[in-house]
Amino acid sequence: MDLDGFVKILAHAETDEVLGAHMIGARAADMIAEIAVAMEFRASAEDIARTCHAHPTTSEVTKEAALAATDNRAIHS
């Protein structure tokens, strides 16, 4: 399993609306859809952070990135 990579969520400083994301890694193509849906529905990084992500999966890194974008609350940074 390839574990190298990262996810960074870009959110508006005042509204926390998700503006985009950077994803690099073997599973990025599988995980980008969550960000696309969030952007379509004008979700906030907090919305993603509060969404249940299965454990142990690579999609958990998206939740961690959302926590990092929301007052730097990432658990595993």
PDB file of N, CA and C in Angstrom:
ATOM      1  N   MET A   1       0.842  -1.183   0.000  1.00  0.00           N
ATOM      2  CA  MET A   1       0.000   0.000   0.000  1.00  0.00           C
ATOM      3  C   MET A   1       0.887   1.246   0.000  1.00  0.00           C
ATOM      4  N   ASP A   2       0.590   2.175  -0.879  1.00  0.00           N
ATOM      5  CA  ASP A   2       1.344   3.420  -0.979  1.00  0.00           C
ATOM      6  C   ASP A   2       0.776   4.435   0.008  1.00  0.00           C
ATOM      7  N   LEU A   3       1.560   4.840   0.980  1.00  0.00           N
ATOM      8  CA  LEU A   3       1.081   5.741   2.028  1.00  0.00           C
ATOM      9  C   LEU A   3       1.565   7.180   1.868  1.00  0.00           C
ATOM     10  N   ASP A   4       2.357   7.455   0.830  1.00  0.00           N
ATOM     11  CA  ASP A   4       2.864   8.811   0.633  1.00  0.00           C
ATOM     12  C   ASP A   4       1.814   9.682  -0.033  1.00  0.00           C
ATOM     13  N   GLY A   5       1.688  10.922   0.442  1.00  0.00           N
ATOM     14  CA  GLY A   5       0.765  11.876  -0.145  1.00  0.00           C
ATOM     15  C   GLY A   5       0.229  12.836   0.892  1.00  0.00           C
ATOM     16  N   PHE A   6      -0.659  13.716   0.456  1.00  0.00           N
ATOM     17  CA  PHE A   6      -1.281  14.659   1.385  1.00  0.00           C
ATOM     18  C   PHE A   6      -2.563  15.219   0.797  1.00  0.00           C
ATOM     19  N   VAL A   7      -3.360  15.816   1.665  1.00  0.00           N
ATOM     20  CA  VAL A   7      -4.569  16.544   1.268  1.00  0.00           C
ATOM     21  C   VAL A   7      -4.538  17.878   1.981  1.00  0.00           C
ATOM     22  N   LYS A   8      -4.802  18.938   1.245  1.00  0.00           N
ATOM     23  CA  LYS A   8      -4.922  20.281   1.823  1.00  0.00           C
ATOM     24  C   LYS A   8      -6.224  20.876   1.316  1.00  0.00           C
ATOM     25  N   ILE A   9      -7.066  21.310   2.231  1.00  0.00           N
ATOM     26  CA  ILE A   9      -8.344  21.931   1.865  1.00  0.00           C
ATOM     27  C   ILE A   9      -8.204  23.442   1.965  1.00  0.00           C
ATOM     28  N   LEU A  10      -8.646  24.130   0.936  1.00  0.00           N
ATOM     29  CA  LEU A  10      -8.620  25.590   0.903  1.00  0.00           C
ATOM     30  C   LEU A  10     -10.017  26.094   1.217  1.00  0.00           C
ATOM     31  N   ALA A  11     -10.128  26.888   2.279  1.00  0.00           N
ATOM     32  CA  ALA A  11     -11.431  27.395   2.706  1.00  0.00           C
ATOM     33  C   ALA A  11     -11.357  28.903   2.922  1.00  0.00           C
ATOM     34  N   HIS A  12     -12.474  29.569   2.685  1.00  0.00           N
ATOM     35  CA  HIS A  12     -12.562  31.022   2.867  1.00  0.00           C
ATOM     36  C   HIS A  12     -12.296  31.360   4.331  1.00  0.00           C
ATOM     37  N   ALA A  13     -11.471  32.362   4.579  1.00  0.00           N
ATOM     38  CA  ALA A  13     -11.060  32.709   5.942  1.00  0.00           C
ATOM     39  C   ALA A  13     -12.225  33.147   6.830  1.00  0.00           C
ATOM     40  N   GLU A  14     -13.224  33.788   6.260  1.00  0.00           N
ATOM     41  CA  GLU A  14     -14.338  34.290   7.072  1.00  0.00           C
ATOM     42  C   GLU A  14     -15.535  33.341   7.105  1.00  0.00           C
ATOM     43  N   THR A  15     -15.871  32.750   5.966  1.00  0.00           N
ATOM     44  CA  THR A  15     -17.078  31.920   5.901  1.00  0.00           C
ATOM     45  C   THR A  15     -16.794  30.426   6.059  1.00  0.00           C
ATOM     46  N   ASP A  16     -15.546  30.008   5.904  1.00  0.00           N
ATOM     47  CA  ASP A  16     -15.128  28.605   5.979  1.00  0.00           C
ATOM     48  C   ASP A  16     -15.630  27.786   4.791  1.00  0.00           C
ATOM     49  N   GLU A  17     -16.192  28.438   3.767  1.00  0.00           N
ATOM     50  CA  GLU A  17     -16.665  27.721   2.588  1.00  0.00           C
ATOM     51  C   GLU A  17     -15.485  27.078   1.870  1.00  0.00           C
ATOM     52  N   VAL A  18     -15.635  25.822   1.479  1.00  0.00           N
ATOM     53  CA  VAL A  18     -14.577  25.106   0.766  1.00  0.00           C
ATOM     54  C   VAL A  18     -14.436  25.707  -0.630  1.00  0.00           C
ATOM     55  N   LEU A  19     -13.219  26.151  -0.942  1.00  0.00           N
ATOM     56  CA  LEU A  19     -12.935  26.769  -2.230  1.00  0.00           C
ATOM     57  C   LEU A  19     -12.210  25.818  -3.174  1.00  0.00           C
ATOM     58  N   GLY A  20     -11.557  24.820  -2.613  1.00  0.00           N
ATOM     59  CA  GLY A  20     -10.806  23.865  -3.427  1.00  0.00           C
ATOM     60  C   GLY A  20      -9.959  22.982  -2.536  1.00  0.00           C
ATOM     61  N   ALA A  21      -9.124  22.171  -3.180  1.00  0.00           N
ATOM     62  CA  ALA A  21      -8.250  21.277  -2.420  1.00  0.00           C
ATOM     63  C   ALA A  21      -7.068  20.871  -3.283  1.00  0.00           C
ATOM     64  N   HIS A  22      -6.000  20.499  -2.611  1.00  0.00           N
ATOM     65  CA  HIS A  22      -4.840  19.888  -3.253  1.00  0.00           C
ATOM     66  C   HIS A  22      -4.776  18.461  -2.728  1.00  0.00           C
ATOM     67  N   MET A  23      -4.678  17.494  -3.619  1.00  0.00           N
ATOM     68  CA  MET A  23      -4.536  16.094  -3.223  1.00  0.00           C
ATOM     69  C   MET A  23      -3.435  15.461  -4.049  1.00  0.00           C
ATOM     70  N   ILE A  24      -2.506  14.836  -3.360  1.00  0.00           N
ATOM     71  CA  ILE A  24      -1.429  14.107  -4.028  1.00  0.00           C
ATOM     72  C   ILE A  24      -1.320  12.757  -3.342  1.00  0.00           C
ATOM     73  N   GLY A  25      -1.360  11.700  -4.112  1.00  0.00           N
ATOM     74  CA  GLY A  25      -1.214  10.361  -3.563  1.00  0.00           C
ATOM     75  C   GLY A  25      -1.914   9.331  -4.423  1.00  0.00           C
ATOM     76  N   ALA A  26      -1.696   8.084  -4.077  1.00  0.00           N
ATOM     77  CA  ALA A  26      -2.210   6.972  -4.867  1.00  0.00           C
ATOM     78  C   ALA A  26      -3.733   6.931  -4.907  1.00  0.00           C
ATOM     79  N   ARG A  27      -4.428   7.399  -3.885  1.00  0.00           N
ATOM     80  CA  ARG A  27      -5.879   7.324  -3.807  1.00  0.00           C
ATOM     81  C   ARG A  27      -6.563   8.669  -4.034  1.00  0.00           C
ATOM     82  N   ALA A  28      -5.846   9.665  -4.507  1.00  0.00           N
ATOM     83  CA  ALA A  28      -6.411  11.004  -4.686  1.00  0.00           C
ATOM     84  C   ALA A  28      -7.624  10.994  -5.617  1.00  0.00           C
ATOM     85  N   ALA A  29      -7.566  10.224  -6.691  1.00  0.00           N
ATOM     86  CA  ALA A  29      -8.686  10.173  -7.641  1.00  0.00           C
ATOM     87  C   ALA A  29      -9.941   9.605  -6.989  1.00  0.00           C
ATOM     88  N   ASP A  30      -9.768   8.743  -5.994  1.00  0.00           N
ATOM     89  CA  ASP A  30     -10.915   8.169  -5.288  1.00  0.00           C
ATOM     90  C   ASP A  30     -11.508   9.139  -4.275  1.00  0.00           C
ATOM     91  N   MET A  31     -10.708  10.077  -3.791  1.00  0.00           N
ATOM     92  CA  MET A  31     -11.147  10.951  -2.704  1.00  0.00           C
ATOM     93  C   MET A  31     -11.609  12.335  -3.156  1.00  0.00           C
ATOM     94  N   ILE A  32     -11.281  12.747  -4.362  1.00  0.00           N
ATOM     95  CA  ILE A  32     -11.580  14.111  -4.800  1.00  0.00           C
ATOM     96  C   ILE A  32     -13.082  14.366  -4.930  1.00  0.00           C
ATOM     97  N   ALA A  33     -13.871  13.319  -5.141  1.00  0.00           N
ATOM     98  CA  ALA A  33     -15.319  13.501  -5.309  1.00  0.00           C
ATOM     99  C   ALA A  33     -15.956  14.147  -4.084  1.00  0.00           C
ATOM    100  N   GLU A  34     -15.467  13.814  -2.900  1.00  0.00           N
ATOM    101  CA  GLU A  34     -16.024  14.410  -1.679  1.00  0.00           C
ATOM    102  C   GLU A  34     -15.853  15.932  -1.690  1.00  0.00           C
ATOM    103  N   ILE A  35     -14.712  16.394  -2.147  1.00  0.00           N
ATOM    104  CA  ILE A  35     -14.450  17.839  -2.221  1.00  0.00           C
ATOM    105  C   ILE A  35     -15.333  18.473  -3.294  1.00  0.00           C
ATOM    106  N   ALA A  36     -15.497  17.801  -4.426  1.00  0.00           N
ATOM    107  CA  ALA A  36     -16.337  18.337  -5.499  1.00  0.00           C
ATOM    108  C   ALA A  36     -17.781  18.505  -5.029  1.00  0.00           C
ATOM    109  N   VAL A  37     -18.297  17.526  -4.307  1.00  0.00           N
ATOM    110  CA  VAL A  37     -19.668  17.627  -3.771  1.00  0.00           C
ATOM    111  C   VAL A  37     -19.749  18.756  -2.752  1.00  0.00           C
ATOM    112  N   ALA A  38     -18.756  18.865  -1.887  1.00  0.00           N
ATOM    113  CA  ALA A  38     -18.738  19.938  -0.886  1.00  0.00           C
ATOM    114  C   ALA A  38     -18.769  21.307  -1.558  1.00  0.00           C
ATOM    115  N   MET A  39     -17.993  21.465  -2.620  1.00  0.00           N
ATOM    116  CA  MET A  39     -17.970  22.742  -3.326  1.00  0.00           C
ATOM    117  C   MET A  39     -19.304  23.021  -4.020  1.00  0.00           C
ATOM    118  N   GLU A  40     -19.907  21.997  -4.601  1.00  0.00           N
ATOM    119  CA  GLU A  40     -21.192  22.171  -5.287  1.00  0.00           C
ATOM    120  C   GLU A  40     -22.277  22.653  -4.331  1.00  0.00           C
ATOM    121  N   PHE A  41     -22.263  22.147  -3.110  1.00  0.00           N
ATOM    122  CA  PHE A  41     -23.280  22.507  -2.129  1.00  0.00           C
ATOM    123  C   PHE A  41     -22.822  23.598  -1.168  1.00  0.00           C
ATOM    124  N   ARG A  42     -21.705  24.247  -1.510  1.00  0.00           N
ATOM    125  CA  ARG A  42     -21.154  25.366  -0.727  1.00  0.00           C
ATOM    126  C   ARG A  42     -20.957  24.980   0.739  1.00  0.00           C
ATOM    127  N   ALA A  43     -20.448  23.781   0.951  1.00  0.00           N
ATOM    128  CA  ALA A  43     -20.194  23.287   2.304  1.00  0.00           C
ATOM    129  C   ALA A  43     -18.970  23.988   2.896  1.00  0.00           C
ATOM    130  N   SER A  44     -18.891  23.919   4.202  1.00  0.00           N
ATOM    131  CA  SER A  44     -17.738  24.470   4.902  1.00  0.00           C
ATOM    132  C   SER A  44     -16.758  23.347   5.228  1.00  0.00           C
ATOM    133  N   ALA A  45     -15.538  23.730   5.568  1.00  0.00           N
ATOM    134  CA  ALA A  45     -14.564  22.744   6.031  1.00  0.00           C
ATOM    135  C   ALA A  45     -15.089  22.067   7.297  1.00  0.00           C
ATOM    136  N   GLU A  46     -15.801  22.815   8.111  1.00  0.00           N
ATOM    137  CA  GLU A  46     -16.406  22.243   9.321  1.00  0.00           C
ATOM    138  C   GLU A  46     -17.410  21.149   8.971  1.00  0.00           C
ATOM    139  N   ASP A  47     -18.177  21.341   7.894  1.00  0.00           N
ATOM    140  CA  ASP A  47     -19.121  20.306   7.453  1.00  0.00           C
ATOM    141  C   ASP A  47     -18.390  19.004   7.134  1.00  0.00           C
ATOM    142  N   ILE A  48     -17.275  19.097   6.426  1.00  0.00           N
ATOM    143  CA  ILE A  48     -16.492  17.900   6.097  1.00  0.00           C
ATOM    144  C   ILE A  48     -15.915  17.288   7.369  1.00  0.00           C
ATOM    145  N   ALA A  49     -15.417  18.127   8.259  1.00  0.00           N
ATOM    146  CA  ALA A  49     -14.820  17.637   9.500  1.00  0.00           C
ATOM    147  C   ALA A  49     -15.829  16.881  10.358  1.00  0.00           C
ATOM    148  N   ARG A  50     -17.088  17.279  10.314  1.00  0.00           N
ATOM    149  CA  ARG A  50     -18.127  16.634  11.131  1.00  0.00           C
ATOM    150  C   ARG A  50     -18.721  15.387  10.466  1.00  0.00           C
ATOM    151  N   THR A  51     -18.366  15.140   9.221  1.00  0.00           N
ATOM    152  CA  THR A  51     -18.867  13.979   8.497  1.00  0.00           C
ATOM    153  C   THR A  51     -18.082  12.738   8.897  1.00  0.00           C
ATOM    154  N   CYS A  52     -18.786  11.643   9.066  1.00  0.00           N
ATOM    155  CA  CYS A  52     -18.148  10.377   9.438  1.00  0.00           C
ATOM    156  C   CYS A  52     -17.297   9.864   8.276  1.00  0.00           C
ATOM    157  N   HIS A  53     -16.053   9.522   8.569  1.00  0.00           N
ATOM    158  CA  HIS A  53     -15.143   8.919   7.597  1.00  0.00           C
ATOM    159  C   HIS A  53     -14.713   7.564   8.152  1.00  0.00           C
ATOM    160  N   ALA A  54     -14.800   6.540   7.339  1.00  0.00           N
ATOM    161  CA  ALA A  54     -14.496   5.178   7.785  1.00  0.00           C
ATOM    162  C   ALA A  54     -13.041   5.049   8.249  1.00  0.00           C
ATOM    163  N   HIS A  55     -12.850   4.179   9.231  1.00  0.00           N
ATOM    164  CA  HIS A  55     -11.509   3.921   9.772  1.00  0.00           C
ATOM    165  C   HIS A  55     -11.245   2.421   9.720  1.00  0.00           C
ATOM    166  N   PRO A  56     -10.140   1.968   9.310  1.00  0.00           N
ATOM    167  CA  PRO A  56      -8.990   2.704   8.772  1.00  0.00           C
ATOM    168  C   PRO A  56      -9.077   2.792   7.246  1.00  0.00           C
ATOM    169  N   THR A  57      -9.139   3.988   6.724  1.00  0.00           N
ATOM    170  CA  THR A  57      -9.153   4.204   5.271  1.00  0.00           C
ATOM    171  C   THR A  57      -8.335   5.436   4.936  1.00  0.00           C
ATOM    172  N   THR A  58      -7.967   5.556   3.676  1.00  0.00           N
ATOM    173  CA  THR A  58      -7.236   6.746   3.253  1.00  0.00           C
ATOM    174  C   THR A  58      -8.129   7.979   3.241  1.00  0.00           C
ATOM    175  N   SER A  59      -9.452   7.802   3.187  1.00  0.00           N
ATOM    176  CA  SER A  59     -10.351   8.964   3.173  1.00  0.00           C
ATOM    177  C   SER A  59     -10.320   9.735   4.490  1.00  0.00           C
ATOM    178  N   GLU A  60      -9.805   9.120   5.539  1.00  0.00           N
ATOM    179  CA  GLU A  60      -9.685   9.825   6.814  1.00  0.00           C
ATOM    180  C   GLU A  60      -8.787  11.055   6.697  1.00  0.00           C
ATOM    181  N   VAL A  61      -7.871  11.042   5.766  1.00  0.00           N
ATOM    182  CA  VAL A  61      -6.978  12.192   5.608  1.00  0.00           C
ATOM    183  C   VAL A  61      -7.762  13.425   5.159  1.00  0.00           C
ATOM    184  N   THR A  62      -8.875  13.234   4.447  1.00  0.00           N
ATOM    185  CA  THR A  62      -9.721  14.362   4.056  1.00  0.00           C
ATOM    186  C   THR A  62     -10.349  14.998   5.289  1.00  0.00           C
ATOM    187  N   LYS A  63     -10.798  14.195   6.216  1.00  0.00           N
ATOM    188  CA  LYS A  63     -11.342  14.715   7.471  1.00  0.00           C
ATOM    189  C   LYS A  63     -10.257  15.468   8.236  1.00  0.00           C
ATOM    190  N   GLU A  64      -9.048  14.906   8.286  1.00  0.00           N
ATOM    191  CA  GLU A  64      -7.928  15.567   8.974  1.00  0.00           C
ATOM    192  C   GLU A  64      -7.603  16.910   8.327  1.00  0.00           C
ATOM    193  N   ALA A  65      -7.649  16.963   6.999  1.00  0.00           N
ATOM    194  CA  ALA A  65      -7.388  18.215   6.291  1.00  0.00           C
ATOM    195  C   ALA A  65      -8.467  19.246   6.599  1.00  0.00           C
ATOM    196  N   ALA A  66      -9.711  18.789   6.712  1.00  0.00           N
ATOM    197  CA  ALA A  66     -10.810  19.694   7.060  1.00  0.00           C
ATOM    198  C   ALA A  66     -10.634  20.222   8.484  1.00  0.00           C
ATOM    199  N   LEU A  67     -10.218  19.352   9.392  1.00  0.00           N
ATOM    200  CA  LEU A  67      -9.951  19.804  10.766  1.00  0.00           C
ATOM    201  C   LEU A  67      -8.802  20.813  10.791  1.00  0.00           C
ATOM    202  N   ALA A  68      -7.786  20.581   9.973  1.00  0.00           N
ATOM    203  CA  ALA A  68      -6.652  21.508   9.904  1.00  0.00           C
ATOM    204  C   ALA A  68      -7.091  22.865   9.350  1.00  0.00           C
ATOM    205  N   ALA A  69      -8.021  22.851   8.394  1.00  0.00           N
ATOM    206  CA  ALA A  69      -8.515  24.100   7.807  1.00  0.00           C
ATOM    207  C   ALA A  69      -9.436  24.851   8.758  1.00  0.00           C
ATOM    208  N   THR A  70      -9.981  24.142   9.737  1.00  0.00           N
ATOM    209  CA  THR A  70     -10.903  24.724  10.709  1.00  0.00           C
ATOM    210  C   THR A  70     -10.166  24.933  12.019  1.00  0.00           C
ATOM    211  N   ASP A  71      -9.557  26.064  12.177  1.00  0.00           N
ATOM    212  CA  ASP A  71      -8.848  26.413  13.421  1.00  0.00           C
ATOM    213  C   ASP A  71      -7.730  25.444  13.780  1.00  0.00           C
ATOM    214  N   ASN A  72      -7.103  24.846  12.765  1.00  0.00           N
ATOM    215  CA  ASN A  72      -5.943  23.954  12.956  1.00  0.00           C
ATOM    216  C   ASN A  72      -6.204  22.892  14.022  1.00  0.00           C
ATOM    217  N   ARG A  73      -7.330  22.171  13.901  1.00  0.00           N
ATOM    218  CA  ARG A  73      -7.725  21.159  14.883  1.00  0.00           C
ATOM    219  C   ARG A  73      -7.365  19.748  14.477  1.00  0.00           C
ATOM    220  N   ALA A  74      -6.479  19.562  13.508  1.00  0.00           N
ATOM    221  CA  ALA A  74      -6.122  18.213  13.040  1.00  0.00           C
ATOM    222  C   ALA A  74      -5.623  17.362  14.198  1.00  0.00           C
ATOM    223  N   ILE A  75      -6.051  16.121  14.225  1.00  0.00           N
ATOM    224  CA  ILE A  75      -5.662  15.198  15.274  1.00  0.00           C
ATOM    225  C   ILE A  75      -4.305  14.565  14.961  1.00  0.00           C
ATOM    226  N   HIS A  76      -4.100  14.184  13.715  1.00  0.00           N
ATOM    227  CA  HIS A  76      -2.857  13.524  13.287  1.00  0.00           C
ATOM    228  C   HIS A  76      -2.154  14.404  12.256  1.00  0.00           C
ATOM    229  N   SER A  77      -1.486  15.420  12.686  1.00  0.00           N
ATOM    230  CA  SER A  77      -0.844  16.310  11.726  1.00  0.00           C
ATOM    231  C   SER A  77       0.611  16.014  11.552  1.00  0.00           C
TER     232      SER A  77
END
